[in-house]
Amino acid sequence: MNMLRKKHKTVLRTLLVLYAIVFYCSVSNANPLNSGIGDSLNPESPKPVFNLQTNSIQSMNKAQLTLLVDYLFEMDTIPFDLVNNINAAISNLVCVDSKKEVSGLSDITSFPSADFYTGWEINNLFPEKDMLKLKGDTSVTLNLQAFGHNNYINPFNGTITSNFGWRDSVQHKGIDFDLNKGDKVVSAFDGMVRIAKRYGGFGNVVIIRHYNGLETVYAHLSKLKVKPGQLISAGELIGLGGSTGHSTGSHLHFEVRFKGVPVNPKYLISFADGKLLCEELVIKKTKWGLAAFPKDEKQYTIEKGDTIFEIAKRFGTTTASIKEMNGLTGRVRLIAGQTINVAQ
């Protein structure tokens, strides 16, 4: 019986993909062998644009579309325009089925944070390389509660076993939560799934782009529970904890990135309290990477392990400036709970 069901599913997949490709080619005169899977958007185009040319794809139900796109991604060469059409139709169904309104966006051809990003990449995990080339500026202020998406939820409430920073001579670009295989992992903010697949050392990984300009990364999952293009709410299940990829034990590797560049999650999130540290976050390009701090922040309370150098990196300034603002000289000994000036 199981073998019969498997055979039936394979036949259905084949019929669906042939039906879609033949109909697609008859309408658009496309050659399905001319191009492989590529960017779902032209990188030269400032905003994503879909061109739904086939009534057949639009008329498919959610199960048919999901089955079809899964099969297409197993092929060696397919027209990526067709993938775009299918993903757009799936996104449309998700919008309708979940009755979620994408506030501030006109229709499904617009994506979260389209003003910040040059495209919607479906293959590369971190395609952006310009860091912060936004109209020549070196800093930008992000509204972490943009367009009425006010919620933040911890992706997993567990013990943090590894922090952001250097670890064994390698830069650890996120933080790790201890969990058991099968534990539920949820989205930190509202957004749209850009990546949901197995990828190298990340194992099973989900990347979500949010309305506030950030992307969050969830790696080493045992199972994926979302699809690319799916609208997601803060706190909604996206996968199950595991130890896939380069991992020595079950844990969640969680990252926060802006335009592909990692930001220390603790610069904006209090995981102990399960809430954001601010509503508006300044992202500033420095020679060390990206500094991130609350807008109009003038003072900072020292935490255990802080150094003048790390505080300067966090706030996009220099150790000399920090010392000058606080009348400090020579070797400085910081005390947890002490408050120092970080801006004029």
Protein backbone atom coordinates (compact mmCIF):
# COMPACT_ATOMS: atom_id res chain seq x y z
CA MET A 1 0.00 0.00 0.00
CA ASN A 2 2.80 2.44 0.89
CA MET A 3 4.56 1.61 -2.37
CA LEU A 4 1.33 2.29 -4.29
CA ARG A 5 0.89 5.65 -2.57
CA LYS A 6 4.49 6.60 -3.30
CA LYS A 7 4.03 5.68 -6.96
CA HIS A 8 0.80 7.67 -7.13
CA LYS A 9 2.54 10.71 -5.62
CA THR A 10 5.40 10.45 -8.13
CA VAL A 11 2.97 10.25 -11.05
CA LEU A 12 1.02 13.23 -9.71
CA ARG A 13 4.21 15.28 -9.37
CA THR A 14 5.24 14.44 -12.93
CA LEU A 15 1.82 15.33 -14.36
CA LEU A 16 1.73 18.62 -12.45
CA VAL A 17 5.15 19.78 -13.53
CA LEU A 18 4.59 18.78 -17.17
CA TYR A 19 1.20 20.47 -17.19
CA ALA A 20 2.59 23.71 -15.73
CA ILE A 21 5.66 23.84 -17.98
CA VAL A 22 3.75 23.03 -21.19
CA PHE A 23 1.07 25.59 -20.41
CA TYR A 24 3.67 28.15 -19.37
CA CYS A 25 5.63 27.71 -22.59
CA SER A 26 2.50 27.92 -24.74
CA VAL A 27 1.65 31.29 -23.24
CA SER A 28 5.06 32.90 -22.83
CA ASN A 29 7.00 31.10 -25.59
CA ALA A 30 9.60 30.26 -22.95
CA ASN A 31 12.11 27.47 -23.37
CA PRO A 32 12.18 25.48 -20.12
CA LEU A 33 15.76 24.39 -20.76
CA ASN A 34 17.23 27.83 -21.39
CA SER A 35 17.85 28.84 -17.78
CA GLY A 36 18.40 27.24 -14.42
CA ILE A 37 17.05 28.30 -11.08
CA GLY A 38 18.35 31.79 -10.40
CA ASP A 39 17.42 34.84 -8.42
CA SER A 40 13.69 35.11 -8.12
CA LEU A 41 14.16 38.79 -8.90
CA ASN A 42 16.33 40.69 -11.31
CA PRO A 43 19.11 42.12 -9.09
CA GLU A 44 19.05 45.31 -11.15
CA SER A 45 15.41 45.90 -10.30
CA PRO A 46 14.96 47.98 -7.12
CA LYS A 47 11.69 46.32 -6.25
CA PRO A 48 10.46 42.75 -6.80
CA VAL A 49 8.03 42.33 -9.70
CA PHE A 50 6.11 39.18 -10.52
CA ASN A 51 4.42 38.54 -13.86
CA LEU A 52 1.75 35.88 -13.44
CA GLN A 53 1.19 34.83 -17.03
CA THR A 54 -0.70 31.55 -16.57
CA ASN A 55 -4.21 31.06 -15.33
CA SER A 56 -3.32 27.41 -14.72
CA ILE A 57 -0.85 28.22 -11.96
CA GLN A 58 -3.17 30.76 -10.38
CA SER A 59 -6.00 28.22 -10.34
CA MET A 60 -4.00 25.55 -8.49
CA ASN A 61 -4.74 24.99 -4.83
CA LYS A 62 -2.15 25.24 -2.06
CA ALA A 63 -1.36 21.51 -1.97
CA GLN A 64 -0.86 21.34 -5.74
CA LEU A 65 1.41 24.40 -5.76
CA THR A 66 3.52 23.15 -2.87
CA LEU A 67 3.94 19.76 -4.50
CA LEU A 68 4.83 21.38 -7.81
CA VAL A 69 7.48 23.73 -6.44
CA ASP A 70 9.05 20.91 -4.41
CA TYR A 71 9.39 18.87 -7.58
CA LEU A 72 10.75 21.78 -9.60
CA PHE A 73 13.58 22.35 -7.15
CA GLU A 74 14.69 18.75 -7.69
CA MET A 75 15.21 19.36 -11.42
CA ASP A 76 18.55 20.36 -12.93
CA THR A 77 17.27 23.08 -15.26
CA ILE A 78 13.94 24.90 -15.17
CA PRO A 79 12.71 28.40 -16.14
CA PHE A 80 13.14 30.49 -13.00
CA ASP A 81 10.28 32.75 -14.13
CA LEU A 82 8.03 29.75 -13.64
CA VAL A 83 9.33 29.30 -10.10
CA ASN A 84 8.56 32.97 -9.43
CA ASN A 85 5.00 32.53 -10.67
CA ILE A 86 4.49 29.48 -8.47
CA ASN A 87 6.01 31.16 -5.40
CA ALA A 88 3.84 34.22 -5.97
CA ALA A 89 0.74 32.08 -6.23
CA ILE A 90 1.69 30.24 -3.02
CA SER A 91 2.27 33.56 -1.24
CA ASN A 92 -1.11 34.76 -2.45
CA LEU A 93 -2.80 31.65 -1.07
CA VAL A 94 -0.96 32.05 2.25
CA CYS A 95 -2.15 35.65 2.43
CA VAL A 96 -5.75 34.60 1.76
CA ASP A 97 -5.76 31.48 3.93
CA SER A 98 -4.24 33.12 6.97
CA LYS A 99 -6.08 36.41 6.40
CA LYS A 100 -2.94 38.32 7.30
CA GLU A 101 -2.73 41.87 6.06
CA VAL A 102 0.71 43.00 4.98
CA SER A 103 0.52 46.47 6.47
CA GLY A 104 2.18 49.23 4.47
CA LEU A 105 2.51 47.01 1.38
CA SER A 106 0.18 47.31 -1.58
CA ASP A 107 0.02 43.68 -2.78
CA ILE A 108 1.91 40.39 -2.94
CA THR A 109 4.43 41.84 -5.41
CA SER A 110 5.93 43.82 -2.53
CA PHE A 111 8.12 42.20 0.08
CA PRO A 112 9.23 43.15 3.58
CA SER A 113 11.94 45.85 3.57
CA ALA A 114 12.00 46.19 -0.23
CA ASP A 115 13.44 49.70 0.21
CA PHE A 116 16.57 48.32 1.88
CA TYR A 117 17.30 45.33 -0.34
CA THR A 118 18.09 45.04 -4.04
CA GLY A 119 16.21 41.79 -4.57
CA TRP A 120 14.67 38.65 -3.17
CA GLU A 121 17.33 35.93 -3.36
CA ILE A 122 16.10 32.35 -3.05
CA ASN A 123 19.41 30.49 -3.30
CA ASN A 124 22.21 32.41 -1.55
CA LEU A 125 21.88 32.80 2.18
CA PHE A 126 23.43 36.27 2.39
CA PRO A 127 23.57 37.91 -1.07
CA GLU A 128 23.97 41.53 0.01
CA LYS A 129 27.61 42.68 0.02
CA ASP A 130 27.40 46.47 0.21
CA MET A 131 26.73 46.45 3.98
CA LEU A 132 25.26 49.93 4.27
CA LYS A 133 25.44 51.71 0.92
CA LEU A 134 22.12 53.43 1.43
CA LYS A 135 22.20 56.74 -0.50
CA GLY A 136 25.81 57.19 0.55
CA ASP A 137 24.96 57.12 4.25
CA THR A 138 27.04 55.29 6.84
CA SER A 139 24.15 54.77 9.24
CA VAL A 140 20.43 54.12 9.19
CA THR A 141 17.72 54.04 11.83
CA LEU A 142 15.45 50.99 11.84
CA ASN A 143 11.99 51.05 13.37
CA LEU A 144 11.86 47.63 15.03
CA GLN A 145 8.08 47.87 15.23
CA ALA A 146 7.55 48.98 11.63
CA PHE A 147 4.15 49.09 9.91
CA GLY A 148 2.27 48.02 13.03
CA HIS A 149 4.21 44.75 13.43
CA ASN A 150 4.75 45.27 17.14
CA ASN A 151 5.51 41.78 18.37
CA TYR A 152 8.81 40.22 19.33
CA ILE A 153 8.97 36.64 20.61
CA ASN A 154 12.06 34.74 21.74
CA PRO A 155 12.78 32.09 19.08
CA PHE A 156 13.33 29.63 21.93
CA ASN A 157 13.32 30.07 25.68
CA GLY A 158 16.43 28.21 26.66
CA THR A 159 19.88 28.62 28.17
CA ILE A 160 22.34 30.55 26.01
CA THR A 161 25.40 28.33 25.60
CA SER A 162 27.49 30.46 23.24
CA ASN A 163 27.50 34.20 22.61
CA PHE A 164 28.26 36.36 19.59
CA GLY A 165 31.96 37.00 18.97
CA TRP A 166 35.25 35.14 18.67
CA ARG A 167 35.14 31.47 19.59
CA ASP A 168 38.08 29.12 19.06
CA SER A 169 39.70 31.66 16.69
CA VAL A 170 36.53 31.77 14.57
CA GLN A 171 33.93 34.51 14.49
CA HIS A 172 30.65 33.16 15.88
CA LYS A 173 28.03 35.25 14.11
CA GLY A 174 25.07 34.50 16.33
CA ILE A 175 24.13 33.03 19.68
CA ASP A 176 23.32 29.42 20.58
CA PHE A 177 20.38 28.18 22.64
CA ASP A 178 20.48 24.77 24.27
CA LEU A 179 17.49 22.66 23.28
CA ASN A 180 16.41 19.08 22.62
CA LYS A 181 15.74 17.54 19.24
CA GLY A 182 12.11 18.21 18.35
CA ASP A 183 11.69 21.33 20.49
CA LYS A 184 9.62 24.01 18.77
CA VAL A 185 11.45 27.01 17.28
CA VAL A 186 9.41 30.11 16.39
CA SER A 187 9.88 33.30 14.40
CA ALA A 188 11.19 36.30 16.34
CA PHE A 189 9.25 38.91 14.29
CA ASP A 190 6.54 39.10 11.64
CA GLY A 191 7.95 38.65 8.17
CA MET A 192 8.30 36.46 5.09
CA VAL A 193 10.37 33.30 4.74
CA ARG A 194 13.18 33.78 2.20
CA ILE A 195 15.16 30.58 2.75
CA ALA A 196 13.98 27.22 4.11
CA LYS A 197 16.29 24.38 3.12
CA ARG A 198 19.40 22.40 4.03
CA TYR A 199 22.57 24.44 3.47
CA GLY A 200 26.11 23.38 4.35
CA GLY A 201 27.23 23.87 7.93
CA PHE A 202 23.92 25.52 8.85
CA GLY A 203 22.10 22.23 8.29
CA ASN A 204 18.38 22.79 7.97
CA VAL A 205 18.10 26.57 8.07
CA VAL A 206 15.31 29.14 7.91
CA ILE A 207 15.93 32.79 7.06
CA ILE A 208 13.11 35.30 7.50
CA ARG A 209 13.11 38.88 6.24
CA HIS A 210 11.21 41.26 8.48
CA TYR A 211 9.39 44.55 7.97
CA ASN A 212 11.91 46.39 10.16
CA GLY A 213 14.82 45.76 7.75
CA LEU A 214 16.38 42.89 9.66
CA GLU A 215 16.70 39.23 8.76
CA THR A 216 16.83 36.43 11.33
CA VAL A 217 18.52 33.07 10.88
CA TYR A 218 17.56 29.77 12.56
CA ALA A 219 20.05 26.92 11.96
CA HIS A 220 20.66 23.22 12.75
CA LEU A 221 16.92 22.41 12.72
CA SER A 222 15.85 18.78 12.54
CA LYS A 223 12.73 19.62 10.52
CA LEU A 224 11.53 22.62 8.50
CA LYS A 225 7.93 23.70 9.03
CA VAL A 226 7.73 26.61 6.57
CA LYS A 227 8.21 27.24 2.84
CA PRO A 228 9.94 30.10 0.98
CA GLY A 229 7.54 32.97 0.31
CA GLN A 230 5.35 32.13 3.30
CA LEU A 231 4.11 35.00 5.47
CA ILE A 232 4.89 34.36 9.11
CA SER A 233 3.94 35.96 12.43
CA ALA A 234 6.10 36.45 15.51
CA GLY A 235 5.82 33.34 17.66
CA GLU A 236 4.71 31.11 14.78
CA LEU A 237 6.33 27.68 14.42
CA ILE A 238 9.05 27.57 11.75
CA GLY A 239 10.95 24.36 12.60
CA LEU A 240 12.01 21.81 15.17
CA GLY A 241 15.28 21.88 17.07
CA GLY A 242 18.06 19.53 16.07
CA SER A 243 21.73 19.07 15.28
CA THR A 244 21.99 19.11 11.49
CA GLY A 245 24.98 20.57 9.64
CA HIS A 246 28.19 21.35 11.53
CA SER A 247 26.94 20.73 15.04
CA THR A 248 28.18 18.69 17.98
CA GLY A 249 24.84 18.54 19.77
CA SER A 250 21.24 19.73 19.62
CA HIS A 251 21.04 23.52 19.76
CA LEU A 252 19.56 26.50 17.95
CA HIS A 253 21.99 28.84 16.25
CA PHE A 254 20.21 32.22 16.01
CA GLU A 255 21.46 35.22 14.05
CA VAL A 256 20.30 38.77 13.39
CA ARG A 257 21.56 40.37 10.16
CA PHE A 258 21.14 43.61 8.27
CA LYS A 259 21.83 43.43 4.52
CA GLY A 260 23.70 40.19 5.04
CA VAL A 261 26.00 41.48 7.81
CA PRO A 262 25.67 39.97 11.31
CA VAL A 263 24.68 42.11 14.29
CA ASN A 264 25.02 40.92 17.88
CA PRO A 265 21.44 39.96 18.85
CA LYS A 266 22.07 41.19 22.40
CA TYR A 267 22.43 44.73 21.05
CA LEU A 268 18.66 44.84 20.51
CA ILE A 269 17.11 41.95 22.43
CA SER A 270 16.87 41.10 26.12
CA PHE A 271 16.45 37.31 25.95
CA ALA A 272 15.99 37.04 29.71
CA ASP A 273 12.96 39.34 29.54
CA GLY A 274 11.82 38.24 26.07
CA LYS A 275 11.57 41.78 24.76
CA LEU A 276 13.29 44.41 22.62
CA LEU A 277 15.68 46.87 24.23
CA CYS A 278 14.37 49.75 22.10
CA GLU A 279 11.86 50.67 19.40
CA GLU A 280 14.34 52.45 17.12
CA LEU A 281 17.75 50.94 16.43
CA VAL A 282 20.65 52.79 14.81
CA ILE A 283 22.78 50.61 12.52
CA LYS A 284 26.15 52.21 11.81
CA LYS A 285 28.91 51.02 9.50
CA THR A 286 32.35 50.94 11.11
CA LYS A 287 35.68 49.32 10.28
CA TRP A 288 34.73 46.54 12.70
CA GLY A 289 31.46 45.70 10.94
CA LEU A 290 28.08 47.04 12.07
CA ALA A 291 27.52 48.88 15.33
CA ALA A 292 23.96 48.78 16.69
CA PHE A 293 22.47 50.85 19.49
CA PRO A 294 19.19 52.50 20.54
CA LYS A 295 18.48 55.83 18.90
CA ASP A 296 19.39 58.82 21.11
CA GLU A 297 21.16 56.55 23.59
CA LYS A 298 23.48 58.75 25.67
CA GLN A 299 24.46 56.45 28.51
CA TYR A 300 25.18 52.77 28.97
CA THR A 301 25.13 50.58 32.06
CA ILE A 302 28.17 48.33 32.36
CA GLU A 303 27.56 44.58 32.31
CA LYS A 304 29.89 41.88 33.58
CA GLY A 305 32.67 41.24 31.06
CA ASP A 306 32.36 44.58 29.24
CA THR A 307 35.48 46.39 28.07
CA ILE A 308 35.95 49.95 26.81
CA PHE A 309 36.90 48.56 23.40
CA GLU A 310 33.75 46.40 23.09
CA ILE A 311 31.53 49.26 24.23
CA ALA A 312 33.13 51.56 21.65
CA LYS A 313 32.51 48.96 18.91
CA ARG A 314 28.89 48.55 19.96
CA PHE A 315 28.17 52.28 19.81
CA GLY A 316 30.20 53.02 16.68
CA THR A 317 32.77 55.21 18.38
CA THR A 318 36.35 54.90 19.69
CA THR A 319 37.92 54.03 23.01
CA ALA A 320 39.52 57.49 23.07
CA SER A 321 36.09 59.13 22.72
CA ILE A 322 34.59 56.98 25.48
CA LYS A 323 37.46 57.88 27.82
CA GLU A 324 37.24 61.58 26.98
CA MET A 325 33.46 61.72 27.55
CA ASN A 326 33.87 60.09 30.96
CA GLY A 327 37.14 61.71 32.10
CA LEU A 328 38.92 58.38 32.14
CA THR A 329 42.68 57.94 31.76
CA GLY A 330 45.14 55.06 31.67
CA ARG A 331 44.01 51.51 32.27
CA VAL A 332 40.30 51.55 33.07
CA ARG A 333 38.61 49.07 35.38
CA LEU A 334 34.88 48.84 34.68
CA ILE A 335 32.39 47.83 37.38
CA ALA A 336 29.12 46.07 36.56
CA GLY A 337 26.22 48.43 37.18
CA GLN A 338 28.31 51.52 36.57
CA THR A 339 26.85 54.03 34.10
CA ILE A 340 29.06 55.75 31.53
CA ASN A 341 28.47 58.25 28.73
CA VAL A 342 28.56 56.84 25.19
CA ALA A 343 27.43 59.91 23.21
CA GLN A 344 27.50 63.66 23.61
